């Protein structure tokens, strides 16, 4: 079931991309990565990603702008923000613009991230059910 969900991970730190991709693939997820936020935006425009995990501090385009763009292409896309530089302002801004969750780097554990992804999938499925219910009426 996890294979049907496409995940895009965006971070300019190659170690994080490789580690997350390897671990999430082992869990059965369909994962793509990108180390450039502008290229990631093109990937989001041209592909259907159910979950986008993005770093906030990135060259060229920050994660907040990427979040806004991803939501403008598909409001149901579940966006998870991650950062090593947390402030209350950034956290609030992320949530206001539709982020599903917020992960601090370094990560507690891969299990923690999987828990957040699974929660995001459940949220996505609830949205889908609500939409199907409205369409059926």
Protein backbone atom coordinates (compact mmCIF):
# COMPACT_ATOMS: atom_id res chain seq x y z
CA UNK A 1 0.00 0.00 0.00
CA UNK A 2 2.83 2.43 0.77
CA UNK A 3 4.14 2.11 -2.80
CA UNK A 4 1.13 3.97 -4.16
CA UNK A 5 2.20 7.14 -2.32
CA UNK A 6 4.89 9.21 -4.02
CA UNK A 7 7.21 11.14 -1.74
CA UNK A 8 9.57 13.93 -2.81
CA UNK A 9 12.36 14.87 -0.42
CA UNK A 10 14.10 18.21 -0.96
CA UNK A 11 17.27 19.19 0.87
CA UNK A 12 20.60 20.69 -0.14
CA UNK A 13 22.41 18.26 2.20
CA UNK A 14 23.16 15.12 0.21
CA UNK A 15 23.65 12.98 3.36
CA UNK A 16 20.11 13.69 4.50
CA UNK A 17 18.65 12.92 1.07
CA UNK A 18 20.48 9.60 0.81
CA UNK A 19 19.69 8.53 4.36
CA UNK A 20 15.98 9.37 4.15
CA UNK A 21 15.60 7.83 0.69
CA UNK A 22 17.30 4.59 1.69
CA UNK A 23 15.28 4.20 4.88
CA UNK A 24 11.94 5.12 3.33
CA UNK A 25 12.45 2.78 0.38
CA UNK A 26 13.19 0.00 2.88
CA UNK A 27 9.81 0.83 4.45
CA UNK A 28 8.12 0.39 1.07
CA UNK A 29 7.66 4.01 0.00
CA UNK A 30 8.08 5.34 -3.54
CA UNK A 31 10.71 8.08 -3.04
CA UNK A 32 12.36 10.69 -5.22
CA UNK A 33 14.89 13.27 -4.07
CA UNK A 34 16.12 16.64 -5.21
CA UNK A 35 18.89 18.87 -3.86
CA UNK A 36 17.75 22.05 -5.61
CA UNK A 37 14.51 23.82 -4.70
CA UNK A 38 14.00 25.32 -8.18
CA UNK A 39 14.35 21.90 -9.83
CA UNK A 40 12.08 20.47 -7.12
CA UNK A 41 9.41 23.00 -8.06
CA UNK A 42 9.54 21.74 -11.66
CA UNK A 43 9.23 18.17 -10.40
CA UNK A 44 6.18 19.16 -8.34
CA UNK A 45 4.60 20.91 -11.35
CA UNK A 46 5.11 17.90 -13.63
CA UNK A 47 4.45 14.98 -11.26
CA UNK A 48 1.93 13.92 -8.66
CA UNK A 49 3.57 13.77 -5.24
CA UNK A 50 1.38 12.87 -2.30
CA UNK A 51 3.95 13.99 0.24
CA UNK A 52 6.67 16.61 -0.07
CA UNK A 53 9.33 16.80 2.64
CA UNK A 54 11.37 19.97 2.29
CA UNK A 55 14.10 21.75 4.14
CA UNK A 56 13.25 25.34 4.97
CA UNK A 57 16.68 26.91 4.49
CA UNK A 58 17.66 26.29 0.87
CA UNK A 59 19.56 28.24 -1.77
CA UNK A 60 17.53 29.85 -4.61
CA UNK A 61 14.07 29.30 -3.06
CA UNK A 62 13.27 28.72 0.58
CA UNK A 63 11.02 25.96 1.86
CA UNK A 64 8.18 28.34 2.72
CA UNK A 65 7.95 29.51 -0.91
CA UNK A 66 8.15 25.89 -2.06
CA UNK A 67 5.34 25.00 0.35
CA UNK A 68 3.12 27.76 -1.08
CA UNK A 69 3.85 26.64 -4.64
CA UNK A 70 3.22 22.95 -3.91
CA UNK A 71 -0.13 23.78 -2.30
CA UNK A 72 -1.09 25.99 -5.25
CA UNK A 73 -0.57 23.07 -7.66
CA UNK A 74 -2.40 20.54 -5.49
CA UNK A 75 -4.02 21.55 -2.21
CA UNK A 76 -4.09 17.91 -1.07
CA UNK A 77 -0.30 17.55 -1.22
CA UNK A 78 0.91 16.89 2.30
CA UNK A 79 3.97 19.04 2.99
CA UNK A 80 6.31 18.30 5.86
CA UNK A 81 8.86 20.98 6.71
CA UNK A 82 12.28 20.21 8.17
CA UNK A 83 14.98 22.47 9.51
CA UNK A 84 17.94 22.75 11.78
CA UNK A 85 17.15 26.42 12.41
CA UNK A 86 13.84 26.64 14.17
CA UNK A 87 12.11 29.77 15.31
CA UNK A 88 8.53 30.14 16.46
CA UNK A 89 7.90 32.55 13.57
CA UNK A 90 9.01 30.02 10.94
CA UNK A 91 6.99 27.26 12.60
CA UNK A 92 3.83 29.38 12.67
CA UNK A 93 4.40 30.57 9.09
CA UNK A 94 4.81 26.98 7.87
CA UNK A 95 1.60 25.86 9.52
CA UNK A 96 -0.32 28.95 8.30
CA UNK A 97 0.65 28.18 4.71
CA UNK A 98 -0.53 24.59 5.00
CA UNK A 99 2.40 22.51 6.23
CA UNK A 100 1.24 19.23 7.69
CA UNK A 101 4.05 18.90 10.19
CA UNK A 102 7.46 20.16 11.18
CA UNK A 103 10.62 18.10 11.77
CA UNK A 104 13.72 19.39 13.53
CA UNK A 105 17.15 18.28 12.34
CA UNK A 106 18.98 16.29 13.49
CA UNK A 107 16.15 13.76 13.45
CA UNK A 108 15.15 11.86 16.56
CA UNK A 109 14.94 8.64 14.56
CA UNK A 110 13.74 7.30 11.23
CA UNK A 111 10.78 5.78 13.07
CA UNK A 112 9.73 9.29 14.09
CA UNK A 113 9.77 10.44 10.46
CA UNK A 114 7.84 7.35 9.34
CA UNK A 115 5.25 8.12 12.01
CA UNK A 116 4.85 11.65 10.62
CA UNK A 117 4.58 10.32 7.05
CA UNK A 118 1.99 7.73 8.07
CA UNK A 119 -0.01 10.46 9.84
CA UNK A 120 0.19 12.59 6.67
CA UNK A 121 -1.11 9.67 4.59
CA UNK A 122 -4.03 9.22 6.98
CA UNK A 123 -4.81 12.93 6.72
CA UNK A 124 -4.66 12.74 2.92
CA UNK A 125 -7.03 9.77 2.90
CA UNK A 126 -9.50 11.61 5.16
CA UNK A 127 -9.47 14.54 2.72
CA UNK A 128 -10.04 12.18 -0.20
CA UNK A 129 -12.97 10.52 1.60
CA UNK A 130 -14.52 13.92 2.36
CA UNK A 131 -14.23 14.96 -1.28
CA UNK A 132 -15.72 11.65 -2.48
CA UNK A 133 -18.60 12.14 -0.03
CA UNK A 134 -19.28 15.63 -1.36
CA UNK A 135 -19.14 14.48 -4.98
CA UNK A 136 -21.50 11.57 -4.24
CA UNK A 137 -24.13 13.97 -2.89
